[in-house]
Amino acid sequence: MRVKVIAFAGFREILGKERELDVKEAATVKELLQVLAAGSPRFREEAFEESGAVRDYVLLMVNRKRIDPQQDLSRALVDGDELAVFPPLAGG
């Protein structure tokens, strides 16, 4: 199945603005993030703790709805889903 990944801010520099990936049927959000990390050591360093957990400050959205990286990583994706990944943003 195909899913779209959209990266913002610093993650855009690492992953590119947008890409479509082929993943196994019913792949989870966590599995998709692991595919991205396997292809980019820099993304892995920025988005994951050494334990493999997604860093608290990473913001994730599936189909434009925010998900909790501590609870919703096991959510199964379906063909055509869109995952948006945001790094920490500074502002003022």
Protein backbone atom coordinates (compact mmCIF):
# COMPACT_ATOMS: atom_id res chain seq x y z
CA MET A 1 0.00 0.00 0.00
CA ARG A 2 1.08 3.58 -0.53
CA VAL A 3 1.22 6.31 2.11
CA LYS A 4 2.35 9.90 1.88
CA VAL A 5 4.82 11.46 4.30
CA ILE A 6 5.02 15.23 4.62
CA ALA A 7 7.88 16.69 6.64
CA PHE A 8 8.06 20.19 8.09
CA ALA A 9 10.78 22.58 9.25
CA GLY A 10 14.02 20.76 10.17
CA PHE A 11 12.59 17.37 9.22
CA ARG A 12 11.91 18.72 5.74
CA GLU A 13 15.65 19.37 5.36
CA ILE A 14 16.34 15.77 6.35
CA LEU A 15 13.54 13.88 4.60
CA GLY A 16 12.46 16.23 1.85
CA LYS A 17 9.15 18.06 1.69
CA GLU A 18 6.95 15.19 0.61
CA ARG A 19 7.31 11.58 -0.46
CA GLU A 20 5.18 8.55 -1.11
CA LEU A 21 6.27 5.21 0.27
CA ASP A 22 5.19 1.66 -0.31
CA VAL A 23 4.69 -0.15 3.00
CA LYS A 24 3.16 -3.47 3.95
CA GLU A 25 -0.59 -3.71 4.39
CA ALA A 26 -1.79 -2.47 7.79
CA ALA A 27 1.63 -1.05 8.65
CA THR A 28 1.51 1.02 11.83
CA VAL A 29 2.60 4.61 12.33
CA LYS A 30 5.60 3.29 14.28
CA GLU A 31 6.60 0.94 11.46
CA LEU A 32 6.42 3.81 8.97
CA LEU A 33 8.60 5.96 11.23
CA GLN A 34 11.07 3.09 11.50
CA VAL A 35 11.22 2.86 7.68
CA LEU A 36 12.03 6.58 7.57
CA ALA A 37 14.67 6.17 10.29
CA ALA A 38 16.28 3.22 8.51
CA GLY A 39 16.72 5.39 5.44
CA SER A 40 18.09 8.40 7.32
CA PRO A 41 20.39 8.12 10.34
CA ARG A 42 19.98 11.85 10.90
CA PHE A 43 16.19 11.50 11.13
CA ARG A 44 16.64 8.59 13.54
CA GLU A 45 18.87 10.73 15.78
CA GLU A 46 16.48 13.69 15.71
CA ALA A 47 13.18 11.82 16.09
CA PHE A 48 14.01 8.85 18.34
CA GLU A 49 15.45 8.31 21.79
CA GLU A 50 18.26 5.75 22.12
CA SER A 51 15.64 3.35 23.49
CA GLY A 52 13.76 3.53 20.19
CA ALA A 53 10.88 5.60 21.57
CA VAL A 54 9.73 8.63 19.58
CA ARG A 55 10.96 11.81 21.25
CA ASP A 56 8.30 13.67 23.24
CA TYR A 57 8.62 16.82 21.16
CA VAL A 58 7.92 15.19 17.78
CA LEU A 59 4.46 16.15 16.54
CA LEU A 60 2.66 13.62 14.36
CA MET A 61 -0.54 13.95 12.37
CA VAL A 62 -2.39 11.29 10.40
CA ASN A 63 -4.75 12.68 7.79
CA ARG A 64 -4.44 16.14 9.36
CA LYS A 65 -5.43 14.99 12.84
CA ARG A 66 -2.87 15.08 15.62
CA ILE A 67 -1.97 11.78 17.23
CA ASP A 68 -0.27 11.10 20.54
CA PRO A 69 3.17 9.56 19.91
CA GLN A 70 2.97 7.88 23.31
CA GLN A 71 -0.35 6.12 22.62
CA ASP A 72 -1.18 6.06 18.91
CA LEU A 73 1.95 4.62 17.29
CA SER A 74 0.25 1.25 16.96
CA ARG A 75 -2.46 2.79 14.77
CA ALA A 76 -2.72 0.86 11.52
CA LEU A 77 -2.43 2.88 8.34
CA VAL A 78 -4.50 2.31 5.22
CA ASP A 79 -3.73 2.92 1.57
CA GLY A 80 -3.65 6.65 0.84
CA ASP A 81 -3.09 7.81 4.43
CA GLU A 82 -0.94 10.86 5.02
CA LEU A 83 1.55 11.18 7.88
CA ALA A 84 2.84 14.66 8.74
CA VAL A 85 5.98 14.90 10.89
CA PHE A 86 6.93 18.10 12.73
CA PRO A 87 10.14 18.67 14.72
CA PRO A 88 10.18 20.99 17.72
CA LEU A 89 9.43 24.53 16.65
CA ALA A 90 10.87 27.61 18.32
CA GLY A 91 8.98 30.82 18.26
CA GLY A 92 8.60 34.06 19.94
